[in-house]
Protein backbone atom coordinates (compact mmCIF):
# COMPACT_ATOMS: atom_id res chain seq x y z
CA MET A 1 -4.59 7.19 9.29
CA LYS A 2 -2.82 9.98 7.70
CA ILE A 3 -2.63 13.24 9.55
CA LEU A 4 -4.43 15.30 6.81
CA ASP A 5 -7.40 12.73 7.24
CA SER A 6 -7.69 13.27 10.87
CA LEU A 7 -7.47 17.09 11.13
CA PHE A 8 -10.71 18.21 9.31
CA PRO A 9 -13.64 15.59 9.89
CA GLY A 10 -15.48 15.33 6.47
CA VAL A 11 -12.39 16.46 4.51
CA THR A 12 -10.22 13.71 3.29
CA SER A 13 -6.53 14.35 2.46
CA ASP A 14 -7.25 14.30 -1.08
CA ILE A 15 -9.83 16.84 -0.89
CA PHE A 16 -7.52 18.89 1.17
CA LEU A 17 -4.79 18.81 -1.17
CA GLN A 18 -6.86 19.48 -4.20
CA SER A 19 -9.12 22.15 -2.79
CA TYR A 20 -7.44 23.80 0.10
CA TRP A 21 -3.59 23.27 0.11
CA THR A 22 -1.92 26.80 -0.72
CA GLN A 23 -5.44 28.14 -1.75
CA GLN A 24 -7.89 28.77 1.00
CA VAL A 25 -8.50 28.56 4.57
CA CYS A 26 -9.80 25.27 6.13
CA THR A 27 -11.16 24.61 9.59
CA THR A 28 -13.01 22.01 11.44
CA VAL A 29 -16.82 22.37 11.36
CA PRO A 30 -18.34 22.68 14.83
CA GLY A 31 -20.09 19.58 15.63
CA ALA A 32 -18.15 17.28 13.00
CA GLY A 33 -16.16 15.77 15.63
CA SER A 34 -12.59 16.46 16.98
CA ARG A 35 -9.13 14.77 17.14
CA GLN A 36 -7.30 13.89 20.34
CA PRO A 37 -4.76 16.39 21.83
CA LEU A 38 -1.24 16.01 20.80
CA ILE A 39 -0.04 17.33 24.05
CA SER A 40 -1.09 17.51 27.59
CA ILE A 41 -1.22 20.35 30.14
CA GLU A 42 1.06 18.23 32.21
CA GLU A 43 3.57 17.76 29.40
CA ILE A 44 3.61 21.51 28.82
CA ASP A 45 4.08 22.13 32.42
CA ALA A 46 6.99 19.53 32.36
CA VAL A 47 8.60 21.34 29.57
CA ILE A 48 8.63 24.76 31.20
CA ALA A 49 9.26 23.85 34.61
CA GLY A 50 11.47 20.88 34.27
CA ALA A 51 13.22 20.80 30.90
CA GLN A 52 16.53 22.66 30.37
CA LEU A 53 15.18 25.06 27.96
CA ASN A 54 17.63 27.66 26.49
CA PRO A 55 16.37 31.38 26.66
CA ASP A 56 16.16 31.36 22.81
CA ASP A 57 13.49 28.54 23.06
CA ILE A 58 10.98 30.81 24.60
CA LYS A 59 9.54 34.10 23.59
CA LEU A 60 6.85 36.34 25.58
CA ALA A 61 4.40 38.74 23.73
CA LYS A 62 1.61 40.95 25.03
CA ASP A 63 -0.42 43.24 22.74
CA GLY A 64 2.01 43.16 20.03
CA SER A 65 5.07 43.74 21.66
CA ILE A 66 7.87 41.32 22.61
CA ILE A 67 8.96 41.10 26.12
CA PRO A 68 12.74 41.39 26.39
CA GLY A 69 14.24 38.00 27.56
CA SER A 70 16.49 39.86 30.15
CA ARG A 71 13.17 40.41 32.12
CA TYR A 72 12.57 36.59 32.81
CA THR A 73 16.05 35.14 32.66
CA GLU A 74 19.12 35.29 35.01
CA LYS A 75 22.74 34.34 33.89
CA GLY A 76 21.05 32.61 30.79
CA VAL A 77 18.73 30.76 32.82
CA ILE A 78 14.97 30.90 32.42
CA ASN A 79 13.26 32.11 35.81
CA VAL A 80 10.03 30.26 35.53
CA CYS A 81 8.50 32.23 38.23
CA ARG A 82 9.06 35.48 36.46
CA LEU A 83 7.54 33.84 33.21
CA LEU A 84 4.47 32.89 35.05
CA ASP A 85 4.31 36.35 36.37
CA TYR A 86 4.28 37.81 32.95
CA TYR A 87 1.72 34.99 31.94
CA ARG A 88 -0.64 35.98 34.60
CA ASN A 89 -0.44 39.55 33.54
CA GLY A 90 -1.62 38.96 30.05
CA ALA A 91 1.61 37.85 28.17
CA THR A 92 1.49 34.85 25.71
CA ILE A 93 4.22 32.28 26.05
CA ILE A 94 5.63 30.80 22.82
CA LEU A 95 7.62 27.65 22.97
CA LYS A 96 9.61 27.59 20.00
CA ARG A 97 10.41 24.42 18.12
CA LEU A 98 8.81 22.09 20.63
CA ASP A 99 9.30 19.45 18.25
CA LEU A 100 13.03 19.34 18.95
CA HIS A 101 12.00 18.54 22.71
CA MET A 102 9.34 16.21 22.25
CA TYR A 103 9.83 12.95 20.13
CA LYS A 104 6.07 12.46 19.44
CA LEU A 105 5.91 16.04 18.07
CA ALA A 106 9.09 15.43 15.84
CA GLU A 107 7.46 12.16 14.65
CA PHE A 108 4.29 14.08 13.73
CA CYS A 109 6.28 16.86 11.64
CA ARG A 110 8.08 14.02 9.74
CA ARG A 111 4.82 12.25 9.04
CA LEU A 112 3.15 15.45 7.71
CA GLU A 113 6.23 16.21 5.62
CA GLN A 114 5.83 12.86 3.96
CA GLU A 115 2.12 13.60 3.23
CA LEU A 116 2.88 17.08 1.74
CA HIS A 117 5.89 15.87 -0.21
CA GLY A 118 7.67 18.86 -1.67
CA VAL A 119 8.09 21.15 1.50
CA ARG A 120 11.20 21.67 2.99
CA GLU A 121 10.42 21.56 6.73
CA VAL A 122 7.62 21.13 9.19
CA TYR A 123 8.07 22.20 12.84
CA ILE A 124 5.97 23.25 15.74
CA ASN A 125 5.66 26.10 18.14
CA ALA A 126 3.35 26.16 21.04
CA TYR A 127 1.40 29.17 22.42
CA LEU A 128 -0.01 29.58 25.94
CA THR A 129 -2.20 32.52 26.28
CA PRO A 130 -4.11 33.64 29.40
CA PRO A 131 -7.94 34.71 29.41
CA ALA A 132 -8.73 37.98 27.69
CA ALA A 133 -5.31 38.38 25.89
CA GLN A 134 -4.04 38.89 22.68
CA GLY A 135 -0.08 38.18 21.79
CA PHE A 136 0.23 39.72 18.39
CA PRO A 137 -1.74 42.15 16.34
CA ALA A 138 -3.29 41.47 12.91
CA HIS A 139 -0.49 40.16 10.33
CA TYR A 140 0.26 37.70 7.77
CA ASP A 141 2.90 34.81 7.68
CA ASP A 142 5.36 33.78 4.86
CA HIS A 143 4.52 30.14 5.36
CA ASP A 144 1.44 28.07 5.64
CA VAL A 145 0.43 27.08 9.24
CA PHE A 146 -2.07 24.39 10.74
CA ILE A 147 -3.48 25.75 13.98
CA LEU A 148 -4.21 22.95 16.43
CA GLN A 149 -6.25 23.95 19.47
CA GLU A 150 -5.14 21.61 22.32
CA HIS A 151 -6.70 23.12 25.38
CA GLY A 152 -9.17 25.71 25.97
CA GLU A 153 -10.69 28.15 23.29
CA LYS A 154 -9.34 30.93 21.03
CA ASP A 155 -11.09 33.38 18.74
CA TRP A 156 -9.69 34.00 15.35
CA LYS A 157 -10.31 36.78 12.61
CA ILE A 158 -9.20 35.97 9.18
CA TYR A 159 -9.22 38.63 6.61
CA SER A 160 -8.78 38.46 2.83
CA CYS A 161 -5.43 37.49 1.37
CA MET A 162 -3.28 40.34 1.19
CA ALA A 163 0.10 39.02 -0.25
CA ASP A 164 0.44 36.37 -3.08
CA PHE A 165 2.85 33.80 -1.65
CA PRO A 166 4.96 36.03 0.38
CA THR A 167 8.53 34.67 1.37
CA ALA A 168 11.08 35.82 3.63
CA ASP A 169 12.86 37.61 1.00
CA ILE A 170 10.11 39.92 0.04
CA PRO A 171 9.52 42.96 2.23
CA TYR A 172 6.68 42.66 4.59
CA ASN A 173 4.04 44.91 3.62
CA LEU A 174 0.45 44.94 5.51
CA ALA A 175 -1.62 47.34 3.84
CA PRO A 176 -4.37 49.24 6.13
CA SER A 177 -6.97 48.34 3.57
CA TYR A 178 -7.09 44.76 5.05
CA ILE A 179 -9.87 45.99 7.43
CA ASP A 180 -12.08 47.13 4.51
CA THR A 181 -13.88 43.86 4.42
CA PRO A 182 -15.23 42.03 7.37
CA PRO A 183 -13.25 38.98 8.44
CA THR A 184 -14.32 35.45 8.86
CA GLU A 185 -14.68 34.72 12.55
CA VAL A 186 -13.64 31.09 14.05
CA ARG A 187 -13.80 29.89 17.56
CA LEU A 188 -11.48 27.22 18.08
CA GLY A 189 -12.27 24.69 20.80
CA ALA A 190 -10.15 21.99 22.11
CA GLY A 191 -9.54 19.18 19.34
CA MET A 192 -10.31 21.66 16.52
CA ALA A 193 -8.07 22.66 13.59
CA LEU A 194 -7.52 25.69 11.34
CA TYR A 195 -5.53 25.81 8.09
CA MET A 196 -4.12 29.17 6.72
CA PRO A 197 -2.00 29.58 3.50
CA ARG A 198 0.60 32.14 3.59
CA GLY A 199 -0.41 35.63 3.00
CA PHE A 200 -3.68 35.52 4.65
CA VAL A 201 -4.13 38.39 7.36
CA HIS A 202 -5.19 36.99 10.81
CA GLU A 203 -5.27 37.76 14.48
CA ALA A 204 -6.49 35.80 17.52
CA ARG A 205 -7.62 36.52 21.12
CA THR A 206 -8.61 34.46 24.18
CA GLY A 207 -12.09 34.92 25.79
CA ASP A 208 -12.83 33.55 29.26
CA SER A 209 -10.40 30.58 29.16
CA HIS A 210 -6.80 29.82 29.23
CA SER A 211 -5.62 28.59 25.69
CA ILE A 212 -2.88 26.16 24.44
CA HIS A 213 -2.61 25.70 20.56
CA LEU A 214 0.24 24.47 18.55
CA THR A 215 1.11 26.24 15.32
CA VAL A 216 2.55 23.72 12.74
CA THR A 217 4.74 25.74 10.35
CA ILE A 218 5.12 24.57 6.87
CA VAL A 219 8.33 25.67 5.06
CA PRO A 220 7.80 25.69 1.39
CA VAL A 221 10.25 24.97 -1.53
CA THR A 222 9.31 27.37 -4.36
CA TYR A 223 9.61 27.47 -8.13
CA SER A 224 11.94 30.46 -7.63
CA GLU A 225 14.40 28.34 -5.66
CA ILE A 226 14.35 25.53 -8.30
CA LEU A 227 15.15 28.12 -11.00
CA THR A 228 17.93 29.32 -9.06
CA GLU A 229 19.28 25.81 -8.77
CA MET A 230 18.67 25.30 -12.45
CA ALA A 231 20.61 28.48 -13.26
CA THR A 232 23.61 27.35 -11.05
CA LEU A 233 23.62 23.82 -12.90
CA LEU A 234 23.21 25.53 -16.39
CA ALA A 235 26.39 27.83 -15.67
CA GLY A 236 28.32 24.66 -14.64
CA ASN A 237 27.14 22.31 -17.22
CA ILE A 238 26.40 24.42 -20.42
CA SER A 239 29.28 26.60 -21.64
CA VAL A 240 27.26 28.82 -23.61
CA ALA A 241 25.62 29.94 -20.50
CA ARG A 242 29.12 31.46 -19.48
CA GLN A 243 29.45 33.28 -22.68
CA THR A 244 29.51 37.04 -22.42
CA LEU A 245 26.12 38.85 -23.82
CA PRO A 246 26.35 40.43 -27.40
CA ALA A 247 27.44 44.17 -27.38
CA ASP A 248 23.89 45.01 -28.75
CA TYR A 249 22.05 42.74 -26.42
CA PHE A 250 20.40 45.28 -24.21
CA SER A 251 20.13 48.05 -27.09
CA SER A 252 18.60 45.75 -29.60
CA THR A 253 15.13 46.61 -30.82
CA SER A 254 14.25 42.99 -31.23
CA THR A 255 13.37 40.91 -28.01
CA PRO A 256 16.47 39.48 -26.54
CA ALA A 257 16.71 35.77 -26.94
CA MET A 258 18.41 32.88 -25.15
CA PRO A 259 20.77 30.43 -27.00
CA ASP A 260 19.05 27.24 -28.38
CA ALA A 261 21.33 25.13 -26.17
CA MET A 262 20.42 26.85 -22.98
CA LEU A 263 16.47 26.42 -23.81
CA THR A 264 16.89 22.83 -24.60
CA ALA A 265 18.88 22.20 -21.28
CA LEU A 266 16.27 24.09 -19.25
CA SER A 267 13.49 22.09 -20.75
CA GLY A 268 15.08 18.93 -20.52
CA SER A 269 16.91 16.78 -17.99
CA LEU A 270 18.16 19.95 -16.13
CA LEU A 271 14.95 20.41 -14.17
CA LYS A 272 15.04 16.71 -12.97
CA GLU A 273 18.75 17.35 -11.89
CA ALA A 274 17.63 20.65 -10.03
CA LEU A 275 15.00 18.81 -8.22
CA VAL A 276 17.58 16.33 -7.09
CA GLN A 277 20.13 18.89 -6.01
CA LYS A 278 17.62 20.91 -4.12
CA ASP A 279 18.28 19.49 -0.67
CA ILE A 280 15.19 19.03 1.29
CA THR A 281 16.43 16.72 3.71
CA GLY A 282 18.38 19.07 5.71
CA PHE A 283 18.92 18.66 9.47
CA LYS A 284 15.87 17.77 11.61
CA LYS A 285 15.48 15.98 14.67
CA PRO A 286 16.77 12.43 14.03
CA LEU A 287 13.80 9.83 14.93
CA VAL A 288 16.46 6.95 16.06
CA GLY A 289 14.72 5.40 19.05
CA GLY A 290 16.27 2.12 20.09
CA LEU A 291 19.63 2.97 18.47
CA PHE A 292 21.47 3.34 21.76
CA ASN A 293 20.04 -0.04 23.02
CA HIS A 294 21.39 -1.54 19.88
CA ILE A 295 24.92 -0.15 20.33
CA PHE A 296 25.25 -0.51 24.03
CA HIS A 297 24.16 -4.16 23.99
CA ASP A 298 26.18 -4.96 20.93
CA ARG A 299 23.24 -6.81 19.34
CA GLN A 300 24.53 -8.78 16.31
CA ILE A 301 22.75 -8.61 13.06
CA THR A 302 22.41 -11.95 11.31
CA ALA A 303 21.38 -13.12 7.67
CA GLY A 304 17.76 -13.90 8.90
CA SER A 305 17.47 -10.59 10.88
CA ILE A 306 14.51 -8.47 9.70
CA LEU A 307 15.31 -4.61 8.90
CA ALA A 308 13.49 -1.70 7.56
CA THR A 309 14.15 1.87 6.72
CA ARG A 310 13.30 4.06 9.71
CA PRO A 311 9.77 5.59 9.29
CA TYR A 312 9.32 9.22 8.10
CA LEU A 313 12.92 9.20 7.11
CA ARG A 314 13.69 11.88 4.37
CA TYR A 315 16.79 10.96 2.47
CA GLN A 316 18.48 11.66 -1.27
CA LEU A 317 20.42 9.32 -3.01
CA LYS A 318 23.06 10.84 -5.47
CA THR A 319 25.09 8.74 -7.72
CA SER A 320 28.34 9.29 -9.58
CA GLU A 321 30.33 6.68 -11.90
CA ASP A 322 32.17 5.30 -8.62
CA THR A 323 30.39 6.72 -5.47
CA LEU A 324 26.76 6.54 -4.04
CA MET A 325 25.96 9.49 -1.70
CA LEU A 326 23.08 8.91 0.75
CA ASP A 327 21.95 12.21 2.41
CA PHE A 328 19.70 12.21 5.35
CA TYR A 329 19.74 13.97 8.76
CA GLY A 330 21.87 16.47 7.75
CA LYS A 331 24.95 14.10 6.90
CA THR A 332 26.28 12.26 3.87
CA ILE A 333 27.10 8.61 3.77
CA ARG A 334 29.41 7.75 1.06
CA LEU A 335 29.35 4.23 -0.39
CA PRO A 336 31.22 2.35 -3.16
CA ALA A 337 29.17 1.89 -6.55
CA VAL A 338 29.59 -1.88 -6.01
CA VAL A 339 26.69 -1.80 -3.43
CA LYS A 340 24.18 -0.25 -5.66
CA GLU A 341 21.92 -3.00 -6.47
CA ASP A 342 21.73 -4.07 -2.72
CA LEU A 343 21.19 -0.61 -1.66
CA TYR A 344 18.37 -0.18 -4.18
CA PHE A 345 16.85 -3.45 -2.76
CA VAL A 346 16.94 -2.01 0.59
CA LEU A 347 15.38 1.35 -0.36
CA LYS A 348 12.63 -0.26 -2.16
CA SER A 349 11.80 -2.92 0.55
CA SER A 350 9.29 -1.97 3.50
CA THR A 351 10.92 -4.83 5.41
CA PHE A 352 13.63 -7.33 4.32
CA ARG A 353 15.99 -9.98 5.58
CA VAL A 354 19.77 -9.73 4.65
CA ASN A 355 19.61 -13.17 3.03
CA ASP A 356 17.03 -11.65 0.70
CA MET A 357 19.47 -9.17 -0.91
CA ASN A 358 20.41 -10.37 -4.26
CA GLY A 359 22.80 -7.81 -5.69
CA MET A 360 26.65 -8.11 -6.10
CA LEU A 361 27.40 -8.31 -2.46
CA ASP A 362 28.00 -11.66 -0.70
CA GLU A 363 26.49 -12.41 2.48
CA GLU A 364 29.22 -11.05 4.66
CA SER A 365 29.25 -7.74 2.77
CA CYS A 366 25.66 -7.34 2.95
CA LEU A 367 25.92 -7.76 6.76
CA ILE A 368 28.50 -5.12 6.96
CA LEU A 369 26.49 -2.76 4.81
CA VAL A 370 23.19 -3.11 6.77
CA SER A 371 24.89 -3.14 10.20
CA SER A 372 26.79 0.19 9.13
CA LEU A 373 23.19 1.73 7.87
CA VAL A 374 21.88 0.59 11.35
CA GLU A 375 24.46 2.28 13.26
CA GLU A 376 24.06 5.55 11.24
CA GLY A 377 20.41 5.73 12.23
CA PHE A 378 19.08 4.93 8.48
CA LEU A 379 17.78 1.33 9.09
CA GLU A 380 16.23 -0.21 12.44
CA VAL A 381 16.16 -3.80 13.41
CA VAL A 382 12.50 -5.24 13.53
CA GLN A 383 13.59 -8.50 14.74
CA TYR A 384 17.24 -9.78 15.49
């Protein structure tokens, strides 16, 4: 089942993407059913008490103020007892980028990235809030979020949208008029979810219970980023784009015009190339379970072995006359152009055997290619 089909009972992924995504708030209807928690209290306890977290991985907030890390760390190590003292006294504990510490949360993020397609990244922070407490005042975010209530309850107030598609580059500006209209109030219980597009002003507070919720952050790719990429490509590929403007360009009474060659390029293949060049693969926690088992036991891949591209893998393939560049997990694998047909076969196949590959490579070369891709973490062996 798709993640988007499981978050809001009665709202399919198609309906969500058509009617809610980037447009309006969506929440679980009380009594409509709920999902299973992604994380247990025991797992949260193990992360805080047992994992070797860096002080930068944790933040404390109380009534709108951030508590300095120096108050709950010693010599660069988190003092869990002090951390819990602050929690008992009303502070919210934020576990940042929990997906980097828990494989199943990293997998959740990669799955959601695939379902949402053109987003740069999905990551997860966890919020632990004691009863009758509020970590942050009303604010808006520059990214869309899914709020997944895991344990306990939390009351949310959501105000009218105050900023149209804010980004980190636009100065934060919360106008006091956001309180002029009554907020929508939502109580999230365990297993319920809430979606908020960026720009919606919101605040949350606990009642009588402790609360754990996950904030699933969606980092977007915007039209302005693609235009910036297109401008870079234009300057590199179209000589007229590098020409000096006419002397009367700014003083002319007529509307300044762009050369036809530039307009043709902008409306043609340049957009497609900009989408290719805009790297949304980036570095994310590699989902490469079983890789060390393969390497340590030196298990041999044969012509009859069954292989597959690792699930939820985001990659880009760039081609030149004599080289293929495969980008994934923040690295680039360069391959000779002669492997092109066989590599395309691999990329298009859900599962395959080496002896099914029918490009220009012979069997021995195919084995070398797929063995390399397995060791790099791109492919996994389904059956030796």
